[in-house]
Amino acid sequence: MVFGTLRVHEWEDGRVEIHAGGGALPYSRFDENPNVTQGAIVENKRLGVALATIQSAQIARDRMRLESKKLTLWTKARIKAAREEADRAPVPGAEKSGYPKAVVAFLEQFELEERQRREAAVFRATERRQERDRLRMQPPV
């Protein structure tokens, strides 16, 4: 079935309407990147550092999403509201001044190893793709 022209209308109050074939189309919104609040998880002396790392990654992710021109005004407002709610949530162990150097060193080493693992996987995938393309270009025997 061909609808022809698809039009998306975004209103100032955040409503979005999708029109095709002379009528509005039903749709639903889905958040692929929900926020995890630290207050929702039981306090654990080792978990606090991991949660702080996750929280900083979420903040960076939200900042990048808000800079995107592909998102609607409503979606950007929802991201900002979720970030404000997560920032207001109580943080278990927030009264602690810092973390032991051993924990920080472990997390830094873990991040380095994960980055190296991802880079190696990308390198291997690129090699396989190049080999596959090379084999496709050879004339059949």
N, C-alpha and C. Protein backbone atom coordinates (compact mmCIF):
# COMPACT_ATOMS: atom_id res chain seq x y z
N MET A 1 0.84 -1.17 0.00
CA MET A 1 0.00 0.00 0.00
C MET A 1 0.89 1.23 0.00
N VAL A 2 0.67 2.12 -0.92
CA VAL A 2 1.47 3.34 -1.03
C VAL A 2 0.62 4.50 -0.53
N PHE A 3 1.18 5.25 0.41
CA PHE A 3 0.47 6.38 0.97
C PHE A 3 0.76 7.67 0.22
N GLY A 4 1.84 7.74 -0.44
CA GLY A 4 2.23 8.99 -1.10
C GLY A 4 3.12 9.80 -0.18
N THR A 5 2.66 10.98 0.19
CA THR A 5 3.46 11.89 0.99
C THR A 5 3.24 11.63 2.48
N LEU A 6 4.30 11.59 3.21
CA LEU A 6 4.25 11.44 4.66
C LEU A 6 4.62 12.78 5.26
N ARG A 7 3.77 13.32 6.12
CA ARG A 7 4.04 14.62 6.75
C ARG A 7 4.03 14.47 8.26
N VAL A 8 5.00 15.10 8.91
CA VAL A 8 5.09 15.08 10.37
C VAL A 8 4.91 16.51 10.84
N HIS A 9 3.95 16.71 11.73
CA HIS A 9 3.67 18.04 12.29
C HIS A 9 4.07 18.03 13.76
N GLU A 10 4.90 18.97 14.15
CA GLU A 10 5.28 19.12 15.54
C GLU A 10 4.76 20.46 16.03
N TRP A 11 3.90 20.43 17.02
CA TRP A 11 3.30 21.63 17.55
C TRP A 11 4.15 22.19 18.68
N GLU A 12 3.97 23.47 19.01
CA GLU A 12 4.78 24.11 20.04
C GLU A 12 4.58 23.49 21.42
N ASP A 13 3.40 22.93 21.67
CA ASP A 13 3.14 22.32 22.97
C ASP A 13 3.72 20.91 23.07
N GLY A 14 4.40 20.43 22.03
CA GLY A 14 5.07 19.14 22.07
C GLY A 14 4.31 18.03 21.38
N ARG A 15 3.07 18.27 20.96
CA ARG A 15 2.31 17.25 20.26
C ARG A 15 2.94 17.00 18.90
N VAL A 16 2.88 15.76 18.47
CA VAL A 16 3.38 15.38 17.15
C VAL A 16 2.28 14.61 16.45
N GLU A 17 2.03 14.95 15.20
CA GLU A 17 1.05 14.24 14.39
C GLU A 17 1.73 13.79 13.10
N ILE A 18 1.43 12.56 12.71
CA ILE A 18 1.97 12.00 11.48
C ILE A 18 0.80 11.79 10.53
N HIS A 19 0.87 12.40 9.35
CA HIS A 19 -0.20 12.32 8.38
C HIS A 19 0.28 11.65 7.10
N ALA A 20 -0.56 10.76 6.58
CA ALA A 20 -0.27 10.12 5.29
C ALA A 20 -1.61 9.66 4.71
N GLY A 21 -1.74 9.77 3.42
CA GLY A 21 -2.95 9.31 2.75
C GLY A 21 -4.19 10.05 3.20
N GLY A 22 -4.07 11.30 3.59
CA GLY A 22 -5.22 12.11 3.97
C GLY A 22 -5.67 11.94 5.40
N GLY A 23 -4.97 11.18 6.22
CA GLY A 23 -5.39 11.00 7.61
C GLY A 23 -4.20 10.86 8.54
N ALA A 24 -4.50 10.98 9.83
CA ALA A 24 -3.46 10.85 10.85
C ALA A 24 -3.16 9.38 11.10
N LEU A 25 -1.90 9.07 11.29
CA LEU A 25 -1.47 7.70 11.56
C LEU A 25 -1.26 7.51 13.06
N PRO A 26 -1.65 6.37 13.61
CA PRO A 26 -1.38 6.11 15.03
C PRO A 26 0.11 5.79 15.23
N TYR A 27 0.63 6.16 16.39
CA TYR A 27 2.02 5.87 16.71
C TYR A 27 2.17 5.90 18.22
N SER A 28 3.31 5.42 18.70
CA SER A 28 3.63 5.49 20.13
C SER A 28 5.09 5.86 20.27
N ARG A 29 5.42 6.44 21.39
CA ARG A 29 6.80 6.85 21.66
C ARG A 29 7.47 5.76 22.47
N PHE A 30 8.76 5.55 22.19
CA PHE A 30 9.53 4.53 22.88
C PHE A 30 10.89 5.09 23.22
N ASP A 31 11.24 5.05 24.50
CA ASP A 31 12.54 5.55 24.94
C ASP A 31 13.53 4.40 24.97
N GLU A 32 14.50 4.42 24.07
CA GLU A 32 15.50 3.37 24.00
C GLU A 32 16.59 3.54 25.04
N ASN A 33 16.69 4.72 25.65
CA ASN A 33 17.76 4.99 26.59
C ASN A 33 17.20 5.52 27.91
N PRO A 34 16.57 4.68 28.72
CA PRO A 34 16.03 5.17 29.98
C PRO A 34 17.16 5.48 30.96
N ASN A 35 16.88 6.34 31.94
CA ASN A 35 17.87 6.69 32.95
C ASN A 35 17.75 5.75 34.14
N VAL A 36 18.88 5.38 34.71
CA VAL A 36 18.91 4.57 35.92
C VAL A 36 19.27 5.51 37.06
N THR A 37 18.40 5.60 38.06
CA THR A 37 18.70 6.46 39.20
C THR A 37 19.44 5.64 40.24
N GLN A 38 20.42 6.26 40.86
CA GLN A 38 21.20 5.54 41.86
C GLN A 38 20.36 5.21 43.07
N GLY A 39 19.35 6.03 43.36
CA GLY A 39 18.51 5.78 44.52
C GLY A 39 17.66 4.54 44.37
N ALA A 40 17.48 4.07 43.16
CA ALA A 40 16.65 2.89 42.91
C ALA A 40 17.39 1.59 43.17
N ILE A 41 18.66 1.66 43.46
CA ILE A 41 19.47 0.46 43.63
C ILE A 41 19.99 0.42 45.07
N VAL A 42 20.00 -0.76 45.64
CA VAL A 42 20.46 -0.92 47.02
C VAL A 42 21.91 -0.49 47.13
N GLU A 43 22.23 0.21 48.23
CA GLU A 43 23.60 0.69 48.41
C GLU A 43 24.56 -0.47 48.57
N ASN A 44 25.69 -0.34 47.93
CA ASN A 44 26.73 -1.35 47.99
C ASN A 44 28.05 -0.61 47.84
N LYS A 45 29.01 -0.90 48.68
CA LYS A 45 30.23 -0.11 48.66
C LYS A 45 30.97 -0.20 47.33
N ARG A 46 30.84 -1.31 46.61
CA ARG A 46 31.49 -1.43 45.31
C ARG A 46 30.60 -0.90 44.20
N LEU A 47 29.32 -0.93 44.42
CA LEU A 47 28.37 -0.51 43.40
C LEU A 47 28.39 1.01 43.20
N GLY A 48 28.73 1.75 44.23
CA GLY A 48 28.72 3.21 44.15
C GLY A 48 29.62 3.75 43.04
N VAL A 49 30.80 3.19 42.90
CA VAL A 49 31.73 3.65 41.86
C VAL A 49 31.19 3.32 40.48
N ALA A 50 30.66 2.12 40.34
CA ALA A 50 30.10 1.72 39.05
C ALA A 50 28.93 2.61 38.68
N LEU A 51 28.09 2.93 39.66
CA LEU A 51 26.94 3.80 39.40
C LEU A 51 27.39 5.21 39.04
N ALA A 52 28.43 5.70 39.67
CA ALA A 52 28.95 7.02 39.32
C ALA A 52 29.45 7.03 37.88
N THR A 53 30.09 5.95 37.46
CA THR A 53 30.56 5.84 36.07
C THR A 53 29.38 5.80 35.12
N ILE A 54 28.36 5.02 35.47
CA ILE A 54 27.17 4.93 34.63
C ILE A 54 26.48 6.29 34.54
N GLN A 55 26.37 6.97 35.67
CA GLN A 55 25.72 8.27 35.68
C GLN A 55 26.45 9.27 34.79
N SER A 56 27.77 9.29 34.84
CA SER A 56 28.51 10.22 33.98
C SER A 56 28.33 9.87 32.51
N ALA A 57 28.26 8.56 32.20
CA ALA A 57 28.02 8.14 30.82
C ALA A 57 26.62 8.55 30.37
N GLN A 58 25.63 8.44 31.26
CA GLN A 58 24.27 8.86 30.92
C GLN A 58 24.19 10.36 30.68
N ILE A 59 24.88 11.13 31.49
CA ILE A 59 24.88 12.58 31.31
C ILE A 59 25.48 12.95 29.96
N ALA A 60 26.60 12.31 29.61
CA ALA A 60 27.23 12.57 28.31
C ALA A 60 26.31 12.14 27.17
N ARG A 61 25.65 10.98 27.32
CA ARG A 61 24.73 10.50 26.29
C ARG A 61 23.57 11.49 26.11
N ASP A 62 22.99 11.96 27.22
CA ASP A 62 21.88 12.90 27.13
C ASP A 62 22.31 14.21 26.50
N ARG A 63 23.52 14.67 26.81
CA ARG A 63 24.03 15.91 26.22
C ARG A 63 24.12 15.76 24.71
N MET A 64 24.62 14.62 24.25
CA MET A 64 24.74 14.39 22.80
C MET A 64 23.35 14.29 22.16
N ARG A 65 22.40 13.63 22.83
CA ARG A 65 21.05 13.50 22.28
C ARG A 65 20.38 14.86 22.18
N LEU A 66 20.60 15.74 23.17
CA LEU A 66 19.97 17.05 23.14
C LEU A 66 20.54 17.94 22.03
N GLU A 67 21.77 17.68 21.61
CA GLU A 67 22.36 18.45 20.52
C GLU A 67 21.88 17.97 19.15
N SER A 68 21.23 16.82 19.10
CA SER A 68 20.77 16.26 17.84
C SER A 68 19.62 17.08 17.25
N LYS A 69 19.66 17.28 15.96
CA LYS A 69 18.59 18.01 15.28
C LYS A 69 17.47 17.08 14.85
N LYS A 70 17.66 15.78 15.03
CA LYS A 70 16.66 14.81 14.61
C LYS A 70 15.56 14.62 15.64
N LEU A 71 15.79 15.03 16.89
CA LEU A 71 14.82 14.83 17.95
C LEU A 71 13.76 15.93 17.95
N THR A 72 12.55 15.57 18.34
CA THR A 72 11.47 16.54 18.43
C THR A 72 11.64 17.38 19.70
N LEU A 73 10.94 18.49 19.75
CA LEU A 73 10.99 19.34 20.94
C LEU A 73 10.46 18.58 22.16
N TRP A 74 9.39 17.79 21.94
CA TRP A 74 8.82 17.03 23.04
C TRP A 74 9.83 16.04 23.59
N THR A 75 10.55 15.35 22.72
CA THR A 75 11.54 14.37 23.15
C THR A 75 12.66 15.06 23.93
N LYS A 76 13.10 16.21 23.44
CA LYS A 76 14.17 16.94 24.15
C LYS A 76 13.69 17.39 25.52
N ALA A 77 12.44 17.85 25.62
CA ALA A 77 11.90 18.27 26.92
C ALA A 77 11.81 17.07 27.86
N ARG A 78 11.43 15.90 27.35
CA ARG A 78 11.33 14.70 28.15
C ARG A 78 12.70 14.26 28.65
N ILE A 79 13.72 14.38 27.79
CA ILE A 79 15.09 14.03 28.20
C ILE A 79 15.56 14.96 29.32
N LYS A 80 15.29 16.26 29.16
CA LYS A 80 15.68 17.23 30.20
C LYS A 80 14.97 16.94 31.51
N ALA A 81 13.66 16.63 31.45
CA ALA A 81 12.90 16.34 32.66
C ALA A 81 13.42 15.07 33.35
N ALA A 82 13.74 14.05 32.56
CA ALA A 82 14.27 12.81 33.13
C ALA A 82 15.63 13.06 33.78
N ARG A 83 16.47 13.88 33.14
CA ARG A 83 17.78 14.19 33.70
C ARG A 83 17.63 14.95 35.01
N GLU A 84 16.70 15.92 35.06
CA GLU A 84 16.47 16.68 36.30
C GLU A 84 15.97 15.77 37.41
N GLU A 85 15.08 14.84 37.07
CA GLU A 85 14.55 13.91 38.07
C GLU A 85 15.67 13.00 38.59
N ALA A 86 16.52 12.54 37.70
CA ALA A 86 17.63 11.67 38.12
C ALA A 86 18.61 12.44 38.99
N ASP A 87 18.81 13.73 38.68
CA ASP A 87 19.73 14.55 39.48
C ASP A 87 19.18 14.82 40.88
N ARG A 88 17.84 14.87 41.01
CA ARG A 88 17.22 15.14 42.31
C ARG A 88 17.17 13.89 43.19
N ALA A 89 17.30 12.72 42.60
CA ALA A 89 17.19 11.47 43.36
C ALA A 89 18.34 11.37 44.38
N PRO A 90 18.04 10.83 45.57
CA PRO A 90 19.10 10.69 46.56
C PRO A 90 20.15 9.69 46.10
N VAL A 91 21.38 10.02 46.38
CA VAL A 91 22.50 9.17 45.97
C VAL A 91 23.03 8.44 47.20
N PRO A 92 22.92 7.11 47.24
CA PRO A 92 23.46 6.39 48.39
C PRO A 92 24.97 6.58 48.50
N GLY A 93 25.44 6.84 49.67
CA GLY A 93 26.87 7.00 49.89
C GLY A 93 27.42 8.32 49.39
N ALA A 94 26.53 9.30 49.12
CA ALA A 94 26.99 10.58 48.59
C ALA A 94 27.81 11.35 49.62
N GLU A 95 27.63 11.01 50.90
CA GLU A 95 28.36 11.71 51.94
C GLU A 95 29.85 11.34 51.97
N LYS A 96 30.23 10.29 51.26
CA LYS A 96 31.62 9.88 51.21
C LYS A 96 32.40 10.85 50.33
N SER A 97 33.57 11.22 50.79
CA SER A 97 34.34 12.24 50.08
C SER A 97 34.99 11.72 48.80
N GLY A 98 35.35 10.48 48.74
CA GLY A 98 36.03 9.96 47.56
C GLY A 98 36.12 8.45 47.61
N TYR A 99 36.75 7.90 46.62
CA TYR A 99 36.88 6.46 46.53
C TYR A 99 38.35 6.10 46.64
N PRO A 100 38.65 4.89 47.12
CA PRO A 100 40.05 4.47 47.24
C PRO A 100 40.73 4.48 45.87
N LYS A 101 42.02 4.78 45.89
CA LYS A 101 42.79 4.83 44.65
C LYS A 101 42.76 3.49 43.93
N ALA A 102 42.71 2.40 44.68
CA ALA A 102 42.69 1.07 44.05
C ALA A 102 41.42 0.89 43.21
N VAL A 103 40.29 1.40 43.69
CA VAL A 103 39.03 1.28 42.96
C VAL A 103 39.09 2.12 41.69
N VAL A 104 39.58 3.33 41.81
CA VAL A 104 39.69 4.22 40.65
C VAL A 104 40.64 3.60 39.63
N ALA A 105 41.76 3.07 40.09
CA ALA A 105 42.72 2.44 39.17
C ALA A 105 42.09 1.23 38.48
N PHE A 106 41.32 0.43 39.24
CA PHE A 106 40.66 -0.73 38.65
C PHE A 106 39.70 -0.30 37.55
N LEU A 107 38.88 0.71 37.82
CA LEU A 107 37.91 1.17 36.82
C LEU A 107 38.60 1.74 35.58
N GLU A 108 39.67 2.49 35.79
CA GLU A 108 40.40 3.02 34.64
C GLU A 108 40.99 1.90 33.80
N GLN A 109 41.55 0.89 34.46
CA GLN A 109 42.11 -0.26 33.73
C GLN A 109 41.01 -1.02 33.01
N PHE A 110 39.86 -1.19 33.65
CA PHE A 110 38.73 -1.88 33.04
C PHE A 110 38.26 -1.14 31.79
N GLU A 111 38.12 0.18 31.89
CA GLU A 111 37.70 0.98 30.73
C GLU A 111 38.71 0.87 29.60
N LEU A 112 39.99 0.90 29.92
CA LEU A 112 41.04 0.76 28.91
C LEU A 112 40.95 -0.59 28.21
N GLU A 113 40.79 -1.65 29.00
CA GLU A 113 40.69 -3.00 28.41
C GLU A 113 39.44 -3.13 27.54
N GLU A 114 38.32 -2.56 27.98
CA GLU A 114 37.09 -2.62 27.19
C GLU A 114 37.25 -1.86 25.87
N ARG A 115 37.89 -0.71 25.93
CA ARG A 115 38.13 0.07 24.70
C ARG A 115 39.03 -0.71 23.75
N GLN A 116 40.08 -1.33 24.27
CA GLN A 116 40.98 -2.12 23.43
C GLN A 116 40.25 -3.32 22.83
N ARG A 117 39.38 -3.95 23.62
CA ARG A 117 38.61 -5.10 23.14
C ARG A 117 37.69 -4.68 22.00
N ARG A 118 37.01 -3.53 22.16
CA ARG A 118 36.12 -3.05 21.09
C ARG A 118 36.90 -2.70 19.84
N GLU A 119 38.05 -2.04 20.00
CA GLU A 119 38.87 -1.68 18.85
C GLU A 119 39.36 -2.93 18.12
N ALA A 120 39.75 -3.97 18.88
CA ALA A 120 40.21 -5.21 18.26
C ALA A 120 39.06 -5.89 17.51
N ALA A 121 37.86 -5.86 18.07
CA ALA A 121 36.71 -6.47 17.40
C ALA A 121 36.38 -5.72 16.11
N VAL A 122 36.47 -4.40 16.13
CA VAL A 122 36.22 -3.62 14.92
C VAL A 122 37.28 -3.92 13.87
N PHE A 123 38.54 -4.04 14.31
CA PHE A 123 39.63 -4.35 13.39
C PHE A 123 39.41 -5.71 12.73
N ARG A 124 39.05 -6.73 13.55
CA ARG A 124 38.81 -8.06 13.00
C ARG A 124 37.63 -8.05 12.02
N ALA A 125 36.58 -7.33 12.35
CA ALA A 125 35.42 -7.25 11.46
C ALA A 125 35.79 -6.58 10.14
N THR A 126 36.62 -5.55 10.21
CA THR A 126 37.07 -4.85 9.00
C THR A 126 37.91 -5.78 8.14
N GLU A 127 38.80 -6.55 8.78
CA GLU A 127 39.62 -7.51 8.02
C GLU A 127 38.74 -8.56 7.33
N ARG A 128 37.75 -9.09 8.05
CA ARG A 128 36.85 -10.08 7.45
C ARG A 128 36.08 -9.49 6.28
N ARG A 129 35.61 -8.27 6.42
CA ARG A 129 34.86 -7.61 5.34
C ARG A 129 35.75 -7.39 4.12
N GLN A 130 37.00 -6.96 4.35
CA GLN A 130 37.91 -6.75 3.23
C GLN A 130 38.24 -8.06 2.53
N GLU A 131 38.42 -9.14 3.31
CA GLU A 131 38.71 -10.45 2.71
C GLU A 131 37.51 -10.93 1.90
N ARG A 132 36.31 -10.76 2.44
CA ARG A 132 35.10 -11.15 1.73
C ARG A 132 34.95 -10.37 0.43
N ASP A 133 35.21 -9.08 0.47
CA ASP A 133 35.12 -8.24 -0.75
C ASP A 133 36.18 -8.65 -1.76
N ARG A 134 37.39 -8.97 -1.27
CA ARG A 134 38.45 -9.40 -2.17
C ARG A 134 38.08 -10.69 -2.87
N LEU A 135 37.48 -11.63 -2.12
CA LEU A 135 37.08 -12.90 -2.71
C LEU A 135 35.94 -12.72 -3.73
N ARG A 136 35.08 -11.77 -3.51
CA ARG A 136 33.98 -11.51 -4.44
C ARG A 136 34.51 -10.94 -5.75
N MET A 137 35.60 -10.21 -5.69
CA MET A 137 36.15 -9.55 -6.89
C MET A 137 36.95 -10.52 -7.75
N GLN A 138 37.34 -11.67 -7.19
CA GLN A 138 38.10 -12.63 -8.00
C GLN A 138 37.18 -13.31 -8.99
N PRO A 139 37.69 -13.54 -10.21
CA PRO A 139 36.86 -14.22 -11.21
C PRO A 139 36.66 -15.68 -10.81
N PRO A 140 35.50 -16.26 -11.15
CA PRO A 140 35.27 -17.66 -10.81
C PRO A 140 36.22 -18.58 -11.59
N VAL A 141 36.56 -19.68 -10.94
CA VAL A 141 37.51 -20.63 -11.53
C VAL A 141 36.78 -21.69 -12.30
